[in-house]
Amino acid sequence: MGWAAATLAMAASAWVGCVSRPGASSPTQAVALTSGGFTAGIEGPACDADGVLYCVSYGTAPVIGRVTMDGHAEAFVTLPQGSTGNGIRFARDGSLLVADYTGHNILRVNPSTRVVSVMAHDDRMNQPNDLALAPDGTVYASDPNWANGTGQLWRLDREGRLHREAEGMGTTNGIEVSPDGRRLYVNESVQRNVWVFDIRPDGSLGTRRLFRKFDDHGFDGMRCDVDGNLYITRHGKGTVVVLDPDARVVREVDVLGKHPTNLTFGGKDRRTVLVTEAEHRRVVMFRADRPGRE
């Protein structure tokens, strides 16, 4: 039995009857899924319909790796020269959508042929960072400018047209759509704000409101569960914080390293939270009360 498999076996016994609930004093403990192979640029992450996990920066920066739930990791596809992946989401047709921050693109990867194509490009992009997929197939992208401490938001509509929805924000990073498709959440890593936008019927963004401000540590990726609770990686603190739809802290989970970069929901019941963690260059996981919304 390998290290990852042994860890999973111990975790499985620990998880029996140990589901955290709002207000619980002892959230489910995170355990490691992988033990190596990724660089400090590990990000992504996203699960396909079969529960296989995909993360960027496997071995080298341009390579997307895939990880099975027993911890086995391998290279899946190498992005074209000049491209480097960050956030990943799966489209409704099963293709991988990848934020390409060095090529200023949103890429599409055919999972069967592994052919990589440019889905959208705009020279006004800074460095596309993370993606969110609305229930109707609309794609939203965060686009920070780390040097200037600013950021933008983009919308890729269902006809393939790219629209700049917001500019002059802080360092836009994690991004997610509410389960009902009516709100878009985006955080600013440096400014430590989480904003919420109304989504209009055509997919464009309306009114922006401050959802929650934190006094310390940065943010990275975010995901919602089916009830609209928002899971946010706290970069520098080494946790995932869970906020309910009223922005109240439900719980905070230690993810075994100071630099969690992103997260997704996986497992057969979609209640396993998988977190990419850069300090130890690995994927860790913990159990959630409810499935992820996607």
C-alpha atoms as a PDB file:
ATOM      1  CA  MET A   1       0.000   0.000   0.000  1.00  0.00           C
ATOM      2  CA  GLY A   2       1.425   3.414  -1.019  1.00  0.00           C
ATOM      3  CA  TRP A   3       1.665   6.459   1.244  1.00  0.00           C
ATOM      4  CA  ALA A   4      -1.408   8.138  -0.251  1.00  0.00           C
ATOM      5  CA  ALA A   5      -3.456   4.919  -0.132  1.00  0.00           C
ATOM      6  CA  ALA A   6      -2.502   4.336   3.500  1.00  0.00           C
ATOM      7  CA  THR A   7      -3.493   7.879   4.356  1.00  0.00           C
ATOM      8  CA  LEU A   8      -6.847   7.405   2.649  1.00  0.00           C
ATOM      9  CA  ALA A   9      -7.472   4.156   4.517  1.00  0.00           C
ATOM     10  CA  MET A  10      -6.837   5.848   7.858  1.00  0.00           C
ATOM     11  CA  ALA A  11      -8.941   8.832   6.807  1.00  0.00           C
ATOM     12  CA  ALA A  12     -11.858   6.625   5.793  1.00  0.00           C
ATOM     13  CA  SER A  13     -12.062   5.131   9.280  1.00  0.00           C
ATOM     14  CA  ALA A  14     -11.744   8.576  10.863  1.00  0.00           C
ATOM     15  CA  TRP A  15     -14.535   9.984   8.671  1.00  0.00           C
ATOM     16  CA  VAL A  16     -17.138   7.381   9.656  1.00  0.00           C
ATOM     17  CA  GLY A  17     -19.787   9.253  11.644  1.00  0.00           C
ATOM     18  CA  CYS A  18     -17.677  12.423  11.601  1.00  0.00           C
ATOM     19  CA  VAL A  19     -19.543  14.915   9.420  1.00  0.00           C
ATOM     20  CA  SER A  20     -19.161  18.549  10.479  1.00  0.00           C
ATOM     21  CA  ARG A  21     -22.293  20.663  10.795  1.00  0.00           C
ATOM     22  CA  PRO A  22     -22.863  24.404  11.102  1.00  0.00           C
ATOM     23  CA  GLY A  23     -21.680  25.499  14.527  1.00  0.00           C
ATOM     24  CA  ALA A  24     -19.780  22.274  15.193  1.00  0.00           C
ATOM     25  CA  SER A  25     -16.719  22.764  17.396  1.00  0.00           C
ATOM     26  CA  SER A  26     -14.573  20.156  15.601  1.00  0.00           C
ATOM     27  CA  PRO A  27     -14.671  20.376  11.793  1.00  0.00           C
ATOM     28  CA  THR A  28     -13.638  17.293   9.885  1.00  0.00           C
ATOM     29  CA  GLN A  29      -9.851  17.104   9.745  1.00  0.00           C
ATOM     30  CA  ALA A  30      -8.050  17.455   6.423  1.00  0.00           C
ATOM     31  CA  VAL A  31      -5.759  14.676   5.175  1.00  0.00           C
ATOM     32  CA  ALA A  32      -3.263  14.548   2.306  1.00  0.00           C
ATOM     33  CA  LEU A  33      -4.296  12.945  -0.992  1.00  0.00           C
ATOM     34  CA  THR A  34      -1.058  13.327  -2.979  1.00  0.00           C
ATOM     35  CA  SER A  35       2.564  13.177  -1.879  1.00  0.00           C
ATOM     36  CA  GLY A  36       4.462  14.742  -4.775  1.00  0.00           C
ATOM     37  CA  GLY A  37       4.692  15.443  -8.474  1.00  0.00           C
ATOM     38  CA  PHE A  38       3.337  18.990  -8.534  1.00  0.00           C
ATOM     39  CA  THR A  39       5.300  22.238  -8.364  1.00  0.00           C
ATOM     40  CA  ALA A  40       4.642  25.180  -6.057  1.00  0.00           C
ATOM     41  CA  GLY A  41       2.348  26.465  -8.826  1.00  0.00           C
ATOM     42  CA  ILE A  42      -0.243  23.777  -8.075  1.00  0.00           C
ATOM     43  CA  GLU A  43      -3.691  25.235  -8.774  1.00  0.00           C
ATOM     44  CA  GLY A  44      -6.830  24.348 -10.672  1.00  0.00           C
ATOM     45  CA  PRO A  45      -8.519  22.198  -9.349  1.00  0.00           C
ATOM     46  CA  ALA A  46     -11.610  20.622 -10.952  1.00  0.00           C
ATOM     47  CA  CYS A  47     -13.217  17.170 -11.085  1.00  0.00           C
ATOM     48  CA  ASP A  48     -14.703  15.537 -14.171  1.00  0.00           C
ATOM     49  CA  ALA A  49     -17.970  13.570 -14.193  1.00  0.00           C
ATOM     50  CA  ASP A  50     -16.102  10.437 -13.047  1.00  0.00           C
ATOM     51  CA  GLY A  51     -14.562  12.208 -10.056  1.00  0.00           C
ATOM     52  CA  VAL A  52     -11.032  12.424 -11.484  1.00  0.00           C
ATOM     53  CA  LEU A  53      -9.250  15.578 -10.317  1.00  0.00           C
ATOM     54  CA  TYR A  54      -7.310  17.893 -12.644  1.00  0.00           C
ATOM     55  CA  CYS A  55      -4.709  20.406 -11.407  1.00  0.00           C
ATOM     56  CA  VAL A  56      -2.147  22.598 -13.149  1.00  0.00           C
ATOM     57  CA  SER A  57       1.634  22.562 -12.789  1.00  0.00           C
ATOM     58  CA  TYR A  58       2.310  18.842 -12.675  1.00  0.00           C
ATOM     59  CA  GLY A  59       6.087  18.449 -12.961  1.00  0.00           C
ATOM     60  CA  THR A  60       6.449  21.717 -14.871  1.00  0.00           C
ATOM     61  CA  ALA A  61       4.265  24.808 -15.152  1.00  0.00           C
ATOM     62  CA  PRO A  62       2.598  24.118 -18.550  1.00  0.00           C
ATOM     63  CA  VAL A  63       1.475  20.561 -17.668  1.00  0.00           C
ATOM     64  CA  ILE A  64      -2.005  19.751 -16.380  1.00  0.00           C
ATOM     65  CA  GLY A  65      -2.016  16.644 -14.208  1.00  0.00           C
ATOM     66  CA  ARG A  66      -4.855  14.371 -13.204  1.00  0.00           C
ATOM     67  CA  VAL A  67      -5.309  12.655  -9.864  1.00  0.00           C
ATOM     68  CA  THR A  68      -7.525   9.702  -9.005  1.00  0.00           C
ATOM     69  CA  MET A  69      -9.183   9.459  -5.615  1.00  0.00           C
ATOM     70  CA  ASP A  70      -6.621   6.888  -4.467  1.00  0.00           C
ATOM     71  CA  GLY A  71      -3.922   9.561  -4.828  1.00  0.00           C
ATOM     72  CA  HIS A  72      -2.363   8.403  -8.124  1.00  0.00           C
ATOM     73  CA  ALA A  73      -1.170  11.409 -10.158  1.00  0.00           C
ATOM     74  CA  GLU A  74       0.005  11.558 -13.779  1.00  0.00           C
ATOM     75  CA  ALA A  75       0.484  14.061 -16.601  1.00  0.00           C
ATOM     76  CA  PHE A  76      -2.609  14.679 -18.720  1.00  0.00           C
ATOM     77  CA  VAL A  77      -1.773  17.403 -21.261  1.00  0.00           C
ATOM     78  CA  THR A  78       0.923  19.997 -21.922  1.00  0.00           C
ATOM     79  CA  LEU A  79      -0.349  23.453 -22.829  1.00  0.00           C
ATOM     80  CA  PRO A  80       1.100  25.216 -25.911  1.00  0.00           C
ATOM     81  CA  GLN A  81       4.291  27.221 -25.632  1.00  0.00           C
ATOM     82  CA  GLY A  82       3.628  30.566 -23.987  1.00  0.00           C
ATOM     83  CA  SER A  83       0.625  29.317 -22.033  1.00  0.00           C
ATOM     84  CA  THR A  84       0.422  28.592 -18.290  1.00  0.00           C
ATOM     85  CA  GLY A  85      -2.738  27.322 -16.666  1.00  0.00           C
ATOM     86  CA  ASN A  86      -4.298  28.521 -13.443  1.00  0.00           C
ATOM     87  CA  GLY A  87      -7.996  28.005 -12.706  1.00  0.00           C
ATOM     88  CA  ILE A  88      -9.839  25.056 -14.320  1.00  0.00           C
ATOM     89  CA  ARG A  89     -13.566  24.394 -14.751  1.00  0.00           C
ATOM     90  CA  PHE A  90     -15.450  21.699 -16.647  1.00  0.00           C
ATOM     91  CA  ALA A  91     -17.948  22.878 -19.257  1.00  0.00           C
ATOM     92  CA  ARG A  92     -21.268  21.122 -19.698  1.00  0.00           C
ATOM     93  CA  ASP A  93     -19.894  19.218 -22.711  1.00  0.00           C
ATOM     94  CA  GLY A  94     -17.106  17.750 -20.563  1.00  0.00           C
ATOM     95  CA  SER A  95     -14.274  19.885 -21.939  1.00  0.00           C
ATOM     96  CA  LEU A  96     -11.744  21.546 -19.632  1.00  0.00           C
ATOM     97  CA  LEU A  97     -11.771  25.338 -19.533  1.00  0.00           C
ATOM     98  CA  VAL A  98      -8.416  26.727 -18.401  1.00  0.00           C
ATOM     99  CA  ALA A  99      -7.447  30.282 -17.412  1.00  0.00           C
ATOM    100  CA  ASP A 100      -4.139  30.882 -19.227  1.00  0.00           C
ATOM    101  CA  TYR A 101      -2.503  33.737 -17.362  1.00  0.00           C
ATOM    102  CA  THR A 102       0.642  34.088 -19.479  1.00  0.00           C
ATOM    103  CA  GLY A 103      -1.118  33.774 -22.844  1.00  0.00           C
ATOM    104  CA  HIS A 104      -4.040  36.060 -21.870  1.00  0.00           C
ATOM    105  CA  ASN A 105      -6.468  33.342 -22.944  1.00  0.00           C
ATOM    106  CA  ILE A 106      -9.280  31.132 -21.843  1.00  0.00           C
ATOM    107  CA  LEU A 107      -8.366  27.743 -23.276  1.00  0.00           C
ATOM    108  CA  ARG A 108     -10.481  24.696 -24.043  1.00  0.00           C
ATOM    109  CA  VAL A 109      -9.054  21.164 -23.773  1.00  0.00           C
ATOM    110  CA  ASN A 110     -10.866  18.277 -25.439  1.00  0.00           C
ATOM    111  CA  PRO A 111     -10.611  15.479 -22.846  1.00  0.00           C
ATOM    112  CA  SER A 112     -10.760  12.716 -25.471  1.00  0.00           C
ATOM    113  CA  THR A 113      -8.241  14.040 -28.018  1.00  0.00           C
ATOM    114  CA  ARG A 114      -6.339  16.328 -25.581  1.00  0.00           C
ATOM    115  CA  VAL A 115      -6.316  18.994 -28.275  1.00  0.00           C
ATOM    116  CA  VAL A 116      -5.930  22.490 -26.813  1.00  0.00           C
ATOM    117  CA  SER A 117      -7.672  25.437 -28.497  1.00  0.00           C
ATOM    118  CA  VAL A 118      -8.156  29.110 -27.678  1.00  0.00           C
ATOM    119  CA  MET A 119     -11.712  29.748 -26.565  1.00  0.00           C
ATOM    120  CA  ALA A 120     -11.221  33.479 -25.943  1.00  0.00           C
ATOM    121  CA  HIS A 121      -8.375  36.007 -26.098  1.00  0.00           C
ATOM    122  CA  ASP A 122      -8.138  39.726 -25.429  1.00  0.00           C
ATOM    123  CA  ASP A 123      -4.951  41.784 -25.234  1.00  0.00           C
ATOM    124  CA  ARG A 124      -6.591  43.938 -22.557  1.00  0.00           C
ATOM    125  CA  MET A 125      -6.430  41.000 -20.156  1.00  0.00           C
ATOM    126  CA  ASN A 126      -3.812  41.209 -17.390  1.00  0.00           C
ATOM    127  CA  GLN A 127      -3.476  37.537 -16.459  1.00  0.00           C
ATOM    128  CA  PRO A 128      -6.676  35.475 -16.335  1.00  0.00           C
ATOM    129  CA  ASN A 129      -6.600  33.781 -12.964  1.00  0.00           C
ATOM    130  CA  ASP A 130      -9.717  31.831 -12.059  1.00  0.00           C
ATOM    131  CA  LEU A 131     -12.980  30.824 -13.719  1.00  0.00           C
ATOM    132  CA  ALA A 132     -16.595  30.400 -12.654  1.00  0.00           C
ATOM    133  CA  LEU A 133     -19.279  28.650 -14.656  1.00  0.00           C
ATOM    134  CA  ALA A 134     -22.915  29.745 -14.380  1.00  0.00           C
ATOM    135  CA  PRO A 135     -25.763  27.212 -14.655  1.00  0.00           C
ATOM    136  CA  ASP A 136     -26.578  28.474 -18.173  1.00  0.00           C
ATOM    137  CA  GLY A 137     -22.996  27.953 -19.400  1.00  0.00           C
ATOM    138  CA  THR A 138     -21.783  31.551 -19.116  1.00  0.00           C
ATOM    139  CA  VAL A 139     -18.120  31.756 -18.032  1.00  0.00           C
ATOM    140  CA  TYR A 140     -16.739  34.450 -15.725  1.00  0.00           C
ATOM    141  CA  ALA A 141     -13.013  35.111 -15.273  1.00  0.00           C
ATOM    142  CA  SER A 142     -11.060  37.045 -12.667  1.00  0.00           C
ATOM    143  CA  ASP A 143      -8.134  39.039 -14.028  1.00  0.00           C
ATOM    144  CA  PRO A 144      -5.740  40.585 -11.484  1.00  0.00           C
ATOM    145  CA  ASN A 145      -2.808  42.899 -12.095  1.00  0.00           C
ATOM    146  CA  TRP A 146      -0.580  41.970  -9.172  1.00  0.00           C
ATOM    147  CA  ALA A 147       2.030  44.652  -9.894  1.00  0.00           C
ATOM    148  CA  ASN A 148      -0.533  47.452  -9.674  1.00  0.00           C
ATOM    149  CA  GLY A 149      -2.824  45.895  -7.071  1.00  0.00           C
ATOM    150  CA  THR A 150      -5.802  46.174  -9.428  1.00  0.00           C
ATOM    151  CA  GLY A 151      -8.083  43.780 -11.254  1.00  0.00           C
ATOM    152  CA  GLN A 152     -10.831  43.200 -13.795  1.00  0.00           C
ATOM    153  CA  LEU A 153     -13.676  40.773 -14.436  1.00  0.00           C
ATOM    154  CA  TRP A 154     -14.630  39.194 -17.766  1.00  0.00           C
ATOM    155  CA  ARG A 155     -17.698  37.393 -19.069  1.00  0.00           C
ATOM    156  CA  LEU A 156     -17.598  34.865 -21.898  1.00  0.00           C
ATOM    157  CA  ASP A 157     -21.144  34.502 -23.185  1.00  0.00           C
ATOM    158  CA  ARG A 158     -22.668  31.378 -24.697  1.00  0.00           C
ATOM    159  CA  GLU A 159     -22.002  32.678 -28.215  1.00  0.00           C
ATOM    160  CA  GLY A 160     -18.266  32.908 -27.476  1.00  0.00           C
ATOM    161  CA  ARG A 161     -18.119  36.697 -27.151  1.00  0.00           C
ATOM    162  CA  LEU A 162     -15.899  38.211 -24.464  1.00  0.00           C
ATOM    163  CA  HIS A 163     -17.112  41.188 -22.386  1.00  0.00           C
ATOM    164  CA  ARG A 164     -15.182  43.181 -19.790  1.00  0.00           C
ATOM    165  CA  GLU A 165     -17.669  43.439 -16.921  1.00  0.00           C
ATOM    166  CA  ALA A 166     -15.648  45.351 -14.325  1.00  0.00           C
ATOM    167  CA  GLU A 167     -12.333  47.178 -14.071  1.00  0.00           C
ATOM    168  CA  GLY A 168     -10.533  49.258 -11.467  1.00  0.00           C
ATOM    169  CA  MET A 169     -11.138  46.694  -8.751  1.00  0.00           C
ATOM    170  CA  GLY A 170      -8.521  45.316  -6.358  1.00  0.00           C
ATOM    171  CA  THR A 171      -6.587  42.111  -7.072  1.00  0.00           C
ATOM    172  CA  THR A 172      -9.504  39.994  -8.288  1.00  0.00           C
ATOM    173  CA  ASN A 173      -8.836  36.314  -7.664  1.00  0.00           C
ATOM    174  CA  GLY A 174     -11.346  33.690  -6.466  1.00  0.00           C
ATOM    175  CA  ILE A 175     -14.647  33.757  -8.324  1.00  0.00           C
ATOM    176  CA  GLU A 176     -17.875  31.768  -8.047  1.00  0.00           C
ATOM    177  CA  VAL A 177     -21.564  31.800  -9.027  1.00  0.00           C
ATOM    178  CA  SER A 178     -24.357  31.154  -6.521  1.00  0.00           C
ATOM    179  CA  PRO A 179     -26.400  27.953  -6.958  1.00  0.00           C
ATOM    180  CA  ASP A 180     -29.401  29.869  -8.337  1.00  0.00           C
ATOM    181  CA  GLY A 181     -27.210  31.671 -10.904  1.00  0.00           C
ATOM    182  CA  ARG A 182     -28.293  35.095  -9.662  1.00  0.00           C
ATOM    183  CA  ARG A 183     -25.107  36.255  -7.908  1.00  0.00           C
ATOM    184  CA  LEU A 184     -21.391  36.333  -8.691  1.00  0.00           C
ATOM    185  CA  TYR A 185     -18.868  36.337  -5.850  1.00  0.00           C
ATOM    186  CA  VAL A 186     -15.320  37.585  -6.350  1.00  0.00           C
ATOM    187  CA  ASN A 187     -12.586  38.202  -3.811  1.00  0.00           C
ATOM    188  CA  GLU A 188      -9.651  40.626  -3.801  1.00  0.00           C
ATOM    189  CA  SER A 189      -6.582  38.887  -2.419  1.00  0.00           C
ATOM    190  CA  VAL A 190      -4.564  41.894  -1.306  1.00  0.00           C
ATOM    191  CA  GLN A 191      -7.474  44.090  -0.181  1.00  0.00           C
ATOM    192  CA  ARG A 192      -9.144  41.126   1.648  1.00  0.00           C
ATOM    193  CA  ASN A 193     -12.613  41.939   0.372  1.00  0.00           C
ATOM    194  CA  VAL A 194     -15.267  39.544  -0.898  1.00  0.00           C
ATOM    195  CA  TRP A 195     -17.746  41.229  -3.253  1.00  0.00           C
ATOM    196  CA  VAL A 196     -21.062  40.023  -4.628  1.00  0.00           C
ATOM    197  CA  PHE A 197     -22.590  41.178  -7.925  1.00  0.00           C
ATOM    198  CA  ASP A 198     -26.143  40.721  -9.124  1.00  0.00           C
ATOM    199  CA  ILE A 199     -26.243  38.792 -12.403  1.00  0.00           C
ATOM    200  CA  ARG A 200     -28.719  40.203 -14.912  1.00  0.00           C
ATOM    201  CA  PRO A 201     -30.840  37.921 -17.144  1.00  0.00           C
ATOM    202  CA  ASP A 202     -28.405  38.392 -20.050  1.00  0.00           C
ATOM    203  CA  GLY A 203     -25.448  37.353 -17.859  1.00  0.00           C
ATOM    204  CA  SER A 204     -23.987  40.828 -17.456  1.00  0.00           C
ATOM    205  CA  LEU A 205     -23.150  42.108 -13.979  1.00  0.00           C
ATOM    206  CA  GLY A 206     -25.286  44.581 -12.099  1.00  0.00           C
ATOM    207  CA  THR A 207     -25.008  46.088  -8.641  1.00  0.00           C
ATOM    208  CA  ARG A 208     -21.889  45.310  -6.587  1.00  0.00           C
ATOM    209  CA  ARG A 209     -22.001  45.012  -2.799  1.00  0.00           C
ATOM    210  CA  LEU A 210     -19.386  44.213  -0.158  1.00  0.00           C
ATOM    211  CA  PHE A 211     -20.166  40.710   1.078  1.00  0.00           C
ATOM    212  CA  ARG A 212     -17.440  40.305   3.700  1.00  0.00           C
ATOM    213  CA  LYS A 213     -14.150  41.971   4.638  1.00  0.00           C
ATOM    214  CA  PHE A 214     -11.360  40.228   6.556  1.00  0.00           C
ATOM    215  CA  ASP A 215      -8.661  41.945   8.606  1.00  0.00           C
ATOM    216  CA  ASP A 216      -5.838  39.506   7.970  1.00  0.00           C
ATOM    217  CA  HIS A 217      -4.409  37.052   5.436  1.00  0.00           C
ATOM    218  CA  GLY A 218      -5.143  36.839   1.737  1.00  0.00           C
ATOM    219  CA  PHE A 219      -7.640  34.928  -0.369  1.00  0.00           C
ATOM    220  CA  ASP A 220      -7.391  32.633  -3.354  1.00  0.00           C
ATOM    221  CA  GLY A 221      -9.943  30.252  -4.913  1.00  0.00           C
ATOM    222  CA  MET A 222     -13.614  29.876  -3.908  1.00  0.00           C
ATOM    223  CA  ARG A 223     -16.472  27.408  -4.430  1.00  0.00           C
ATOM    224  CA  CYS A 224     -20.121  27.206  -3.343  1.00  0.00           C
ATOM    225  CA  ASP A 225     -22.004  24.199  -2.066  1.00  0.00           C
ATOM    226  CA  VAL A 226     -25.593  23.465  -3.123  1.00  0.00           C
ATOM    227  CA  ASP A 227     -26.957  25.576  -0.235  1.00  0.00           C
ATOM    228  CA  GLY A 228     -24.968  28.641  -1.243  1.00  0.00           C
ATOM    229  CA  ASN A 229     -22.318  28.410   1.476  1.00  0.00           C
ATOM    230  CA  LEU A 230     -19.083  29.896   0.162  1.00  0.00           C
ATOM    231  CA  TYR A 231     -15.778  28.061   0.733  1.00  0.00           C
ATOM    232  CA  ILE A 232     -12.724  30.356   0.496  1.00  0.00           C
ATOM    233  CA  THR A 233      -9.036  29.450   0.681  1.00  0.00           C
ATOM    234  CA  ARG A 234      -7.137  31.699   3.130  1.00  0.00           C
ATOM    235  CA  HIS A 235      -3.671  32.100   1.635  1.00  0.00           C
ATOM    236  CA  GLY A 236      -1.078  32.650   4.363  1.00  0.00           C
ATOM    237  CA  LYS A 237      -3.364  31.360   7.105  1.00  0.00           C
ATOM    238  CA  GLY A 238      -3.569  27.819   5.787  1.00  0.00           C
ATOM    239  CA  THR A 239      -7.301  27.344   6.112  1.00  0.00           C
ATOM    240  CA  VAL A 240     -10.543  27.148   4.187  1.00  0.00           C
ATOM    241  CA  VAL A 241     -13.203  29.384   5.701  1.00  0.00           C
ATOM    242  CA  VAL A 242     -16.891  28.663   5.092  1.00  0.00           C
ATOM    243  CA  LEU A 243     -19.336  31.576   4.925  1.00  0.00           C
ATOM    244  CA  ASP A 244     -23.092  31.126   4.834  1.00  0.00           C
ATOM    245  CA  PRO A 245     -25.250  33.147   2.375  1.00  0.00           C
ATOM    246  CA  ASP A 246     -25.479  35.919   4.992  1.00  0.00           C
ATOM    247  CA  ALA A 247     -21.646  36.176   5.157  1.00  0.00           C
ATOM    248  CA  ARG A 248     -21.412  34.624   8.617  1.00  0.00           C
ATOM    249  CA  VAL A 249     -18.464  32.319   9.362  1.00  0.00           C
ATOM    250  CA  VAL A 250     -19.753  28.749   9.691  1.00  0.00           C
ATOM    251  CA  ARG A 251     -16.430  27.028  10.226  1.00  0.00           C
ATOM    252  CA  GLU A 252     -12.747  27.165   9.320  1.00  0.00           C
ATOM    253  CA  VAL A 253     -10.737  24.075   8.398  1.00  0.00           C
ATOM    254  CA  ASP A 254      -6.944  23.715   8.701  1.00  0.00           C
ATOM    255  CA  VAL A 255      -5.600  22.393   5.378  1.00  0.00           C
ATOM    256  CA  LEU A 256      -2.124  21.324   6.557  1.00  0.00           C
ATOM    257  CA  GLY A 257      -0.135  24.055   4.833  1.00  0.00           C
ATOM    258  CA  LYS A 258       0.002  27.847   4.830  1.00  0.00           C
ATOM    259  CA  HIS A 259      -0.665  28.418   1.134  1.00  0.00           C
ATOM    260  CA  PRO A 260      -3.919  26.869  -0.132  1.00  0.00           C
ATOM    261  CA  THR A 261      -4.468  28.095  -3.674  1.00  0.00           C
ATOM    262  CA  ASN A 262      -7.881  26.762  -4.695  1.00  0.00           C
ATOM    263  CA  LEU A 263     -10.484  24.094  -4.043  1.00  0.00           C
ATOM    264  CA  THR A 264     -13.231  22.029  -5.614  1.00  0.00           C
ATOM    265  CA  PHE A 265     -15.809  19.435  -4.605  1.00  0.00           C
ATOM    266  CA  GLY A 266     -15.386  15.788  -5.608  1.00  0.00           C
ATOM    267  CA  GLY A 267     -15.933  12.200  -4.565  1.00  0.00           C
ATOM    268  CA  LYS A 268     -18.925  10.049  -5.450  1.00  0.00           C
ATOM    269  CA  ASP A 269     -21.268  12.223  -3.397  1.00  0.00           C
ATOM    270  CA  ARG A 270     -19.481  15.491  -4.265  1.00  0.00           C
ATOM    271  CA  ARG A 271     -18.967  16.164  -0.558  1.00  0.00           C
ATOM    272  CA  THR A 272     -15.183  15.755  -0.521  1.00  0.00           C
ATOM    273  CA  VAL A 273     -13.464  19.151  -0.649  1.00  0.00           C
ATOM    274  CA  LEU A 274     -10.156  18.906  -2.530  1.00  0.00           C
ATOM    275  CA  VAL A 275      -7.671  21.706  -1.874  1.00  0.00           C
ATOM    276  CA  THR A 276      -4.483  22.520  -3.790  1.00  0.00           C
ATOM    277  CA  GLU A 277      -1.792  23.580  -1.314  1.00  0.00           C
ATOM    278  CA  ALA A 278       1.416  25.229  -2.541  1.00  0.00           C
ATOM    279  CA  GLU A 279       3.642  25.059   0.546  1.00  0.00           C
ATOM    280  CA  HIS A 280       3.852  21.268   0.363  1.00  0.00           C
ATOM    281  CA  ARG A 281       2.940  21.046  -3.351  1.00  0.00           C
ATOM    282  CA  ARG A 282       0.094  18.622  -2.817  1.00  0.00           C
ATOM    283  CA  VAL A 283      -3.659  18.075  -2.719  1.00  0.00           C
ATOM    284  CA  VAL A 284      -5.389  17.712   0.640  1.00  0.00           C
ATOM    285  CA  MET A 285      -9.028  16.890   1.307  1.00  0.00           C
ATOM    286  CA  PHE A 286     -11.742  17.077   3.936  1.00  0.00           C
ATOM    287  CA  ARG A 287     -15.426  16.260   4.124  1.00  0.00           C
ATOM    288  CA  ALA A 288     -18.259  18.785   3.810  1.00  0.00           C
ATOM    289  CA  ASP A 289     -21.856  18.734   5.027  1.00  0.00           C
ATOM    290  CA  ARG A 290     -23.343  19.279   1.591  1.00  0.00           C
ATOM    291  CA  PRO A 291     -22.304  18.624  -2.041  1.00  0.00           C
ATOM    292  CA  GLY A 292     -20.700  21.250  -4.237  1.00  0.00           C
ATOM    293  CA  ARG A 293     -23.094  23.169  -6.447  1.00  0.00           C
ATOM    294  CA  GLU A 294     -21.656  22.113  -9.838  1.00  0.00           C
END
